[in-house]
Amino acid sequence: MRSSTCMARTVTRASHLRGHRGGLSRREAAPDRAGRGRMAAMSGTRSAPLAGERHESDVPHRLEPTPSPHAPCMQQLVLPVPGLGIEPLSRASRPRVAPSRVAAQVHAFHRAFGLPRANTPSVESVTDEVLRLRERLLDEETAEFAVASHRRDLVGMADALADIVYVAYGTAVTLGLDLDLILDEVHRSNLSKLDERGRPVLRHDGKVLKSPRYSPPDIAAVIAEQPTLPFGPAANESLS
């Protein structure tokens, strides 16, 4: 028996109205609507909706789950965009969620190897030596990606990308930063680069440019509002 799975899809007014009345199939629903339409035309009145049916003017654009044989059912943070009938979620309206799996894994790595880690944002207890190390690690992994990219080595690029993400999260763990929350805010800001009609503004080489409605990320506010990370005792200590 296949397990229950879901993924989000946009349901427009038209697709919602076609064949979704009271659980009837499209073939079952169409003749009944036609008959009601003829009766309404003869009487000169608008037919009232049947139980479970709504007129098009009553049905908003929304998202609803649909089956998928591939992805496990999970709640996703959907950030709508202007011009598509939906608006981005503000920082205050985002649901509070636990740190991601990768954040927990990298913190576990730091704990297992006795590496610096903190549960609240701070740079005061992080030594210059540790900061220079984080710089070198990021530079090394970025350079490895460049080498693999020039060789068109897909496996090498995948490995380098994973290392870049791992080191980036490790640096956040060192500084006590919730990188997931920061990425949420950057994502919100990036979506605001769409223009007033929901269209991307692209440079000739494909780089996404800022539209007039661009809203920069408020990283300082995210850090100020960040709750304590649920990872147990902190250990911000210099390497020996």
C-alpha atoms as a PDB file:
ATOM      1  CA  MET A   1       0.000   0.000   0.000  1.00  0.00           C
ATOM      2  CA  ARG A   2       1.478   3.304  -1.059  1.00  0.00           C
ATOM      3  CA  SER A   3       2.162   5.737   1.782  1.00  0.00           C
ATOM      4  CA  SER A   4       0.414   9.087   1.796  1.00  0.00           C
ATOM      5  CA  THR A   5       2.460  11.780   0.061  1.00  0.00           C
ATOM      6  CA  CYS A   6       1.782  15.326  -0.980  1.00  0.00           C
ATOM      7  CA  MET A   7       3.128  18.334  -2.796  1.00  0.00           C
ATOM      8  CA  ALA A   8       1.785  21.859  -3.241  1.00  0.00           C
ATOM      9  CA  ARG A   9       0.148  23.020  -6.452  1.00  0.00           C
ATOM     10  CA  THR A  10      -1.623  26.249  -7.306  1.00  0.00           C
ATOM     11  CA  VAL A  11      -5.359  25.946  -7.700  1.00  0.00           C
ATOM     12  CA  THR A  12      -6.882  28.699  -9.788  1.00  0.00           C
ATOM     13  CA  ARG A  13     -10.505  29.686  -9.697  1.00  0.00           C
ATOM     14  CA  ALA A  14     -11.253  28.031 -13.016  1.00  0.00           C
ATOM     15  CA  SER A  15      -9.614  24.703 -12.187  1.00  0.00           C
ATOM     16  CA  HIS A  16     -11.241  24.701  -8.747  1.00  0.00           C
ATOM     17  CA  LEU A  17     -14.699  25.132 -10.256  1.00  0.00           C
ATOM     18  CA  ARG A  18     -14.337  22.481 -12.942  1.00  0.00           C
ATOM     19  CA  GLY A  19     -15.398  19.095 -11.589  1.00  0.00           C
ATOM     20  CA  HIS A  20     -14.868  19.789  -7.856  1.00  0.00           C
ATOM     21  CA  ARG A  21     -18.444  20.375  -6.745  1.00  0.00           C
ATOM     22  CA  GLY A  22     -19.491  18.259  -3.808  1.00  0.00           C
ATOM     23  CA  GLY A  23     -17.033  15.506  -4.723  1.00  0.00           C
ATOM     24  CA  LEU A  24     -18.672  14.861  -8.158  1.00  0.00           C
ATOM     25  CA  SER A  25     -16.534  14.028 -11.152  1.00  0.00           C
ATOM     26  CA  ARG A  26     -16.431  16.425 -14.078  1.00  0.00           C
ATOM     27  CA  ARG A  27     -18.732  14.193 -16.168  1.00  0.00           C
ATOM     28  CA  GLU A  28     -21.198  13.860 -13.309  1.00  0.00           C
ATOM     29  CA  ALA A  29     -21.203  17.562 -12.511  1.00  0.00           C
ATOM     30  CA  ALA A  30     -21.433  18.961 -16.054  1.00  0.00           C
ATOM     31  CA  PRO A  31     -24.946  17.718 -17.024  1.00  0.00           C
ATOM     32  CA  ASP A  32     -26.408  18.906 -13.728  1.00  0.00           C
ATOM     33  CA  ARG A  33     -24.922  22.375 -14.211  1.00  0.00           C
ATOM     34  CA  ALA A  34     -26.258  22.496 -17.760  1.00  0.00           C
ATOM     35  CA  GLY A  35     -29.776  21.650 -16.601  1.00  0.00           C
ATOM     36  CA  ARG A  36     -29.668  24.229 -13.830  1.00  0.00           C
ATOM     37  CA  GLY A  37     -28.385  26.783 -16.368  1.00  0.00           C
ATOM     38  CA  ARG A  38     -31.343  26.184 -18.703  1.00  0.00           C
ATOM     39  CA  MET A  39     -33.810  26.480 -15.816  1.00  0.00           C
ATOM     40  CA  ALA A  40     -32.167  29.720 -14.690  1.00  0.00           C
ATOM     41  CA  ALA A  41     -32.343  31.129 -18.206  1.00  0.00           C
ATOM     42  CA  MET A  42     -36.057  30.320 -18.449  1.00  0.00           C
ATOM     43  CA  SER A  43     -36.865  31.885 -15.086  1.00  0.00           C
ATOM     44  CA  GLY A  44     -34.511  34.843 -15.541  1.00  0.00           C
ATOM     45  CA  THR A  45     -32.855  34.231 -12.176  1.00  0.00           C
ATOM     46  CA  ARG A  46     -29.399  33.203 -11.109  1.00  0.00           C
ATOM     47  CA  SER A  47     -29.266  29.602  -9.904  1.00  0.00           C
ATOM     48  CA  ALA A  48     -28.225  29.111  -6.292  1.00  0.00           C
ATOM     49  CA  PRO A  49     -25.153  26.943  -5.643  1.00  0.00           C
ATOM     50  CA  LEU A  50     -25.689  23.359  -4.591  1.00  0.00           C
ATOM     51  CA  ALA A  51     -24.301  22.106  -1.298  1.00  0.00           C
ATOM     52  CA  GLY A  52     -20.537  22.103  -1.470  1.00  0.00           C
ATOM     53  CA  GLU A  53     -20.455  24.378  -4.547  1.00  0.00           C
ATOM     54  CA  ARG A  54     -19.315  28.008  -4.676  1.00  0.00           C
ATOM     55  CA  HIS A  55     -19.570  30.575  -7.396  1.00  0.00           C
ATOM     56  CA  GLU A  56     -16.320  31.687  -9.059  1.00  0.00           C
ATOM     57  CA  SER A  57     -16.391  35.049  -7.289  1.00  0.00           C
ATOM     58  CA  ASP A  58     -16.297  33.262  -3.938  1.00  0.00           C
ATOM     59  CA  VAL A  59     -13.249  31.096  -4.676  1.00  0.00           C
ATOM     60  CA  PRO A  60      -9.824  32.676  -3.939  1.00  0.00           C
ATOM     61  CA  HIS A  61      -6.505  31.587  -5.380  1.00  0.00           C
ATOM     62  CA  ARG A  62      -4.966  29.203  -2.920  1.00  0.00           C
ATOM     63  CA  LEU A  63      -2.634  26.248  -2.478  1.00  0.00           C
ATOM     64  CA  GLU A  64      -3.847  22.746  -1.677  1.00  0.00           C
ATOM     65  CA  PRO A  65      -2.032  19.418  -1.340  1.00  0.00           C
ATOM     66  CA  THR A  66      -2.083  16.910  -4.200  1.00  0.00           C
ATOM     67  CA  PRO A  67      -0.697  13.377  -4.245  1.00  0.00           C
ATOM     68  CA  SER A  68       2.882  12.740  -5.323  1.00  0.00           C
ATOM     69  CA  PRO A  69       4.558   9.316  -5.531  1.00  0.00           C
ATOM     70  CA  HIS A  70       7.986  10.840  -4.863  1.00  0.00           C
ATOM     71  CA  ALA A  71       8.027  13.449  -2.063  1.00  0.00           C
ATOM     72  CA  PRO A  72       6.974  12.724   1.558  1.00  0.00           C
ATOM     73  CA  CYS A  73       4.065  14.766   2.833  1.00  0.00           C
ATOM     74  CA  MET A  74       5.414  17.774   4.700  1.00  0.00           C
ATOM     75  CA  GLN A  75       4.382  21.343   5.360  1.00  0.00           C
ATOM     76  CA  GLN A  76       6.320  23.782   3.226  1.00  0.00           C
ATOM     77  CA  LEU A  77       6.828  27.493   3.722  1.00  0.00           C
ATOM     78  CA  VAL A  78       5.209  28.954   0.606  1.00  0.00           C
ATOM     79  CA  LEU A  79       6.333  32.486  -0.172  1.00  0.00           C
ATOM     80  CA  PRO A  80       3.905  33.950  -2.740  1.00  0.00           C
ATOM     81  CA  VAL A  81       4.888  36.820  -5.010  1.00  0.00           C
ATOM     82  CA  PRO A  82       3.113  39.957  -6.216  1.00  0.00           C
ATOM     83  CA  GLY A  83       1.546  39.830  -9.643  1.00  0.00           C
ATOM     84  CA  LEU A  84       0.507  36.213  -9.033  1.00  0.00           C
ATOM     85  CA  GLY A  85      -2.330  37.025  -6.664  1.00  0.00           C
ATOM     86  CA  ILE A  86      -0.392  36.231  -3.486  1.00  0.00           C
ATOM     87  CA  GLU A  87       1.962  38.181  -1.196  1.00  0.00           C
ATOM     88  CA  PRO A  88       5.268  37.242   0.501  1.00  0.00           C
ATOM     89  CA  LEU A  89       5.189  36.285   4.164  1.00  0.00           C
ATOM     90  CA  SER A  90       6.653  38.899   6.449  1.00  0.00           C
ATOM     91  CA  ARG A  91       9.232  37.918   9.049  1.00  0.00           C
ATOM     92  CA  ALA A  92       6.685  38.312  11.850  1.00  0.00           C
ATOM     93  CA  SER A  93       4.143  36.002  10.174  1.00  0.00           C
ATOM     94  CA  ARG A  94       6.522  33.111   9.512  1.00  0.00           C
ATOM     95  CA  PRO A  95       5.911  30.003  11.610  1.00  0.00           C
ATOM     96  CA  ARG A  96       8.567  29.113  14.170  1.00  0.00           C
ATOM     97  CA  VAL A  97      10.253  25.893  13.102  1.00  0.00           C
ATOM     98  CA  ALA A  98      13.058  23.789  14.532  1.00  0.00           C
ATOM     99  CA  PRO A  99      16.534  24.123  13.017  1.00  0.00           C
ATOM    100  CA  SER A 100      17.003  22.139   9.816  1.00  0.00           C
ATOM    101  CA  ARG A 101      18.542  18.674   9.660  1.00  0.00           C
ATOM    102  CA  VAL A 102      21.798  20.017   8.252  1.00  0.00           C
ATOM    103  CA  ALA A 103      22.063  22.574  11.076  1.00  0.00           C
ATOM    104  CA  ALA A 104      21.602  19.829  13.669  1.00  0.00           C
ATOM    105  CA  GLN A 105      24.082  17.560  11.876  1.00  0.00           C
ATOM    106  CA  VAL A 106      26.793  20.208  11.675  1.00  0.00           C
ATOM    107  CA  HIS A 107      26.276  21.118  15.335  1.00  0.00           C
ATOM    108  CA  ALA A 108      26.628  17.425  16.207  1.00  0.00           C
ATOM    109  CA  PHE A 109      29.890  17.376  14.248  1.00  0.00           C
ATOM    110  CA  HIS A 110      31.223  20.374  16.197  1.00  0.00           C
ATOM    111  CA  ARG A 111      30.194  18.767  19.470  1.00  0.00           C
ATOM    112  CA  ALA A 112      31.763  15.405  18.602  1.00  0.00           C
ATOM    113  CA  PHE A 113      35.099  16.979  17.640  1.00  0.00           C
ATOM    114  CA  GLY A 114      35.173  19.611  20.372  1.00  0.00           C
ATOM    115  CA  LEU A 115      34.959  22.516  17.904  1.00  0.00           C
ATOM    116  CA  PRO A 116      33.727  25.993  18.885  1.00  0.00           C
ATOM    117  CA  ARG A 117      29.950  26.320  19.058  1.00  0.00           C
ATOM    118  CA  ALA A 118      27.426  28.691  20.590  1.00  0.00           C
ATOM    119  CA  ASN A 119      23.649  28.746  21.069  1.00  0.00           C
ATOM    120  CA  THR A 120      23.219  32.529  20.898  1.00  0.00           C
ATOM    121  CA  PRO A 121      24.680  35.002  18.385  1.00  0.00           C
ATOM    122  CA  SER A 122      28.032  36.388  19.488  1.00  0.00           C
ATOM    123  CA  VAL A 123      31.461  37.137  18.091  1.00  0.00           C
ATOM    124  CA  GLU A 124      33.009  38.234  21.379  1.00  0.00           C
ATOM    125  CA  SER A 125      34.085  34.766  22.485  1.00  0.00           C
ATOM    126  CA  VAL A 126      35.366  33.696  19.052  1.00  0.00           C
ATOM    127  CA  THR A 127      39.099  34.239  18.664  1.00  0.00           C
ATOM    128  CA  ASP A 128      40.732  35.809  15.616  1.00  0.00           C
ATOM    129  CA  GLU A 129      42.493  32.506  15.044  1.00  0.00           C
ATOM    130  CA  VAL A 130      39.167  30.696  14.694  1.00  0.00           C
ATOM    131  CA  LEU A 131      37.757  33.373  12.371  1.00  0.00           C
ATOM    132  CA  ARG A 132      40.810  33.140  10.095  1.00  0.00           C
ATOM    133  CA  LEU A 133      40.373  29.353  10.023  1.00  0.00           C
ATOM    134  CA  ARG A 134      36.749  29.710   8.927  1.00  0.00           C
ATOM    135  CA  GLU A 135      37.882  32.088   6.171  1.00  0.00           C
ATOM    136  CA  ARG A 136      40.470  29.607   4.913  1.00  0.00           C
ATOM    137  CA  LEU A 137      38.000  26.713   4.961  1.00  0.00           C
ATOM    138  CA  LEU A 138      35.451  28.642   2.906  1.00  0.00           C
ATOM    139  CA  ASP A 139      38.128  29.773   0.456  1.00  0.00           C
ATOM    140  CA  GLU A 140      39.422  26.214   0.038  1.00  0.00           C
ATOM    141  CA  GLU A 141      36.005  24.714  -0.666  1.00  0.00           C
ATOM    142  CA  THR A 142      35.084  27.521  -3.085  1.00  0.00           C
ATOM    143  CA  ALA A 143      38.374  26.985  -4.931  1.00  0.00           C
ATOM    144  CA  GLU A 144      37.631  23.246  -5.176  1.00  0.00           C
ATOM    145  CA  PHE A 145      34.288  24.033  -6.795  1.00  0.00           C
ATOM    146  CA  ALA A 146      35.994  26.329  -9.320  1.00  0.00           C
ATOM    147  CA  VAL A 147      38.448  23.574 -10.273  1.00  0.00           C
ATOM    148  CA  ALA A 148      35.680  20.988 -10.670  1.00  0.00           C
ATOM    149  CA  SER A 149      33.561  23.478 -12.626  1.00  0.00           C
ATOM    150  CA  HIS A 150      36.345  24.173 -15.130  1.00  0.00           C
ATOM    151  CA  ARG A 151      36.766  20.431 -15.579  1.00  0.00           C
ATOM    152  CA  ARG A 152      32.983  19.998 -15.961  1.00  0.00           C
ATOM    153  CA  ASP A 153      33.273  17.382 -13.220  1.00  0.00           C
ATOM    154  CA  LEU A 154      29.737  16.895 -11.903  1.00  0.00           C
ATOM    155  CA  VAL A 155      30.749  14.667  -8.992  1.00  0.00           C
ATOM    156  CA  GLY A 156      33.504  17.085  -8.014  1.00  0.00           C
ATOM    157  CA  MET A 157      31.127  20.041  -8.136  1.00  0.00           C
ATOM    158  CA  ALA A 158      28.548  18.188  -6.019  1.00  0.00           C
ATOM    159  CA  ASP A 159      31.211  17.317  -3.449  1.00  0.00           C
ATOM    160  CA  ALA A 160      32.484  20.899  -3.316  1.00  0.00           C
ATOM    161  CA  LEU A 161      28.976  22.335  -2.977  1.00  0.00           C
ATOM    162  CA  ALA A 162      28.255  20.017  -0.051  1.00  0.00           C
ATOM    163  CA  ASP A 163      31.518  21.051   1.596  1.00  0.00           C
ATOM    164  CA  ILE A 164      30.735  24.751   1.073  1.00  0.00           C
ATOM    165  CA  VAL A 165      27.333  24.348   2.723  1.00  0.00           C
ATOM    166  CA  TYR A 166      28.814  22.277   5.550  1.00  0.00           C
ATOM    167  CA  VAL A 167      31.530  24.840   6.260  1.00  0.00           C
ATOM    168  CA  ALA A 168      29.032  27.709   6.026  1.00  0.00           C
ATOM    169  CA  TYR A 169      26.759  26.052   8.589  1.00  0.00           C
ATOM    170  CA  GLY A 170      29.803  25.259  10.726  1.00  0.00           C
ATOM    171  CA  THR A 171      30.763  28.915  10.708  1.00  0.00           C
ATOM    172  CA  ALA A 172      27.223  29.805  11.766  1.00  0.00           C
ATOM    173  CA  VAL A 173      27.431  27.232  14.579  1.00  0.00           C
ATOM    174  CA  THR A 174      30.700  28.820  15.700  1.00  0.00           C
ATOM    175  CA  LEU A 175      29.021  32.245  15.853  1.00  0.00           C
ATOM    176  CA  GLY A 176      25.782  30.978  17.414  1.00  0.00           C
ATOM    177  CA  LEU A 177      23.767  32.010  14.348  1.00  0.00           C
ATOM    178  CA  ASP A 178      20.570  30.298  13.206  1.00  0.00           C
ATOM    179  CA  LEU A 179      21.462  30.179   9.519  1.00  0.00           C
ATOM    180  CA  ASP A 180      18.037  28.773   8.629  1.00  0.00           C
ATOM    181  CA  LEU A 181      16.302  31.940   9.879  1.00  0.00           C
ATOM    182  CA  ILE A 182      18.811  34.118   8.052  1.00  0.00           C
ATOM    183  CA  LEU A 183      18.252  32.189   4.813  1.00  0.00           C
ATOM    184  CA  ASP A 184      14.487  32.649   5.211  1.00  0.00           C
ATOM    185  CA  GLU A 185      14.975  36.403   5.360  1.00  0.00           C
ATOM    186  CA  VAL A 186      17.355  36.409   2.393  1.00  0.00           C
ATOM    187  CA  HIS A 187      14.841  34.315   0.445  1.00  0.00           C
ATOM    188  CA  ARG A 188      12.059  36.792   1.217  1.00  0.00           C
ATOM    189  CA  SER A 189      14.289  39.614   0.021  1.00  0.00           C
ATOM    190  CA  ASN A 190      15.274  37.745  -3.145  1.00  0.00           C
ATOM    191  CA  LEU A 191      11.632  37.204  -4.104  1.00  0.00           C
ATOM    192  CA  SER A 192      11.030  40.937  -3.773  1.00  0.00           C
ATOM    193  CA  LYS A 193      13.349  41.394  -6.771  1.00  0.00           C
ATOM    194  CA  LEU A 194      10.399  40.447  -9.005  1.00  0.00           C
ATOM    195  CA  ASP A 195       8.746  43.458 -10.571  1.00  0.00           C
ATOM    196  CA  GLU A 196       5.185  44.656  -9.884  1.00  0.00           C
ATOM    197  CA  ARG A 197       3.810  42.081 -12.332  1.00  0.00           C
ATOM    198  CA  GLY A 198       5.734  39.196 -10.830  1.00  0.00           C
ATOM    199  CA  ARG A 199       8.359  39.090 -13.596  1.00  0.00           C
ATOM    200  CA  PRO A 200      12.127  38.653 -13.070  1.00  0.00           C
ATOM    201  CA  VAL A 201      14.570  41.391 -14.052  1.00  0.00           C
ATOM    202  CA  LEU A 202      17.627  39.694 -15.570  1.00  0.00           C
ATOM    203  CA  ARG A 203      21.008  40.932 -16.685  1.00  0.00           C
ATOM    204  CA  HIS A 204      22.301  39.769 -20.082  1.00  0.00           C
ATOM    205  CA  ASP A 205      24.292  36.967 -18.412  1.00  0.00           C
ATOM    206  CA  GLY A 206      21.304  35.698 -16.403  1.00  0.00           C
ATOM    207  CA  LYS A 207      22.041  37.400 -13.076  1.00  0.00           C
ATOM    208  CA  VAL A 208      18.851  38.407 -11.273  1.00  0.00           C
ATOM    209  CA  LEU A 209      18.681  42.182 -10.784  1.00  0.00           C
ATOM    210  CA  LYS A 210      16.714  44.198  -8.247  1.00  0.00           C
ATOM    211  CA  SER A 211      13.371  45.629  -9.320  1.00  0.00           C
ATOM    212  CA  PRO A 212      12.002  48.952  -7.975  1.00  0.00           C
ATOM    213  CA  ARG A 213      10.030  47.013  -5.360  1.00  0.00           C
ATOM    214  CA  TYR A 214      13.135  45.300  -3.935  1.00  0.00           C
ATOM    215  CA  SER A 215      13.258  45.031  -0.131  1.00  0.00           C
ATOM    216  CA  PRO A 216      16.725  44.307   1.335  1.00  0.00           C
ATOM    217  CA  PRO A 217      17.088  41.594   3.991  1.00  0.00           C
ATOM    218  CA  ASP A 218      17.019  42.830   7.576  1.00  0.00           C
ATOM    219  CA  ILE A 219      19.709  40.513   8.918  1.00  0.00           C
ATOM    220  CA  ALA A 220      20.280  42.603  12.055  1.00  0.00           C
ATOM    221  CA  ALA A 221      16.618  42.201  13.054  1.00  0.00           C
ATOM    222  CA  VAL A 222      16.725  38.451  12.474  1.00  0.00           C
ATOM    223  CA  ILE A 223      19.796  38.116  14.711  1.00  0.00           C
ATOM    224  CA  ALA A 224      18.248  40.332  17.393  1.00  0.00           C
ATOM    225  CA  GLU A 225      15.063  38.234  17.443  1.00  0.00           C
ATOM    226  CA  GLN A 226      16.773  34.851  17.200  1.00  0.00           C
ATOM    227  CA  PRO A 227      15.792  32.416  19.969  1.00  0.00           C
ATOM    228  CA  THR A 228      18.395  30.301  21.745  1.00  0.00           C
ATOM    229  CA  LEU A 229      19.415  27.328  19.623  1.00  0.00           C
ATOM    230  CA  PRO A 230      18.222  23.994  21.112  1.00  0.00           C
ATOM    231  CA  PHE A 231      21.556  22.205  20.867  1.00  0.00           C
ATOM    232  CA  GLY A 232      22.608  21.752  24.462  1.00  0.00           C
ATOM    233  CA  PRO A 233      25.658  23.310  26.184  1.00  0.00           C
ATOM    234  CA  ALA A 234      27.719  25.768  24.181  1.00  0.00           C
ATOM    235  CA  ALA A 235      31.479  25.450  23.901  1.00  0.00           C
ATOM    236  CA  ASN A 236      33.036  28.549  22.381  1.00  0.00           C
ATOM    237  CA  GLU A 237      36.684  27.830  22.976  1.00  0.00           C
ATOM    238  CA  SER A 238      39.832  28.454  20.988  1.00  0.00           C
ATOM    239  CA  LEU A 239      41.612  25.618  19.244  1.00  0.00           C
ATOM    240  CA  SER A 240      44.786  24.416  20.916  1.00  0.00           C
END
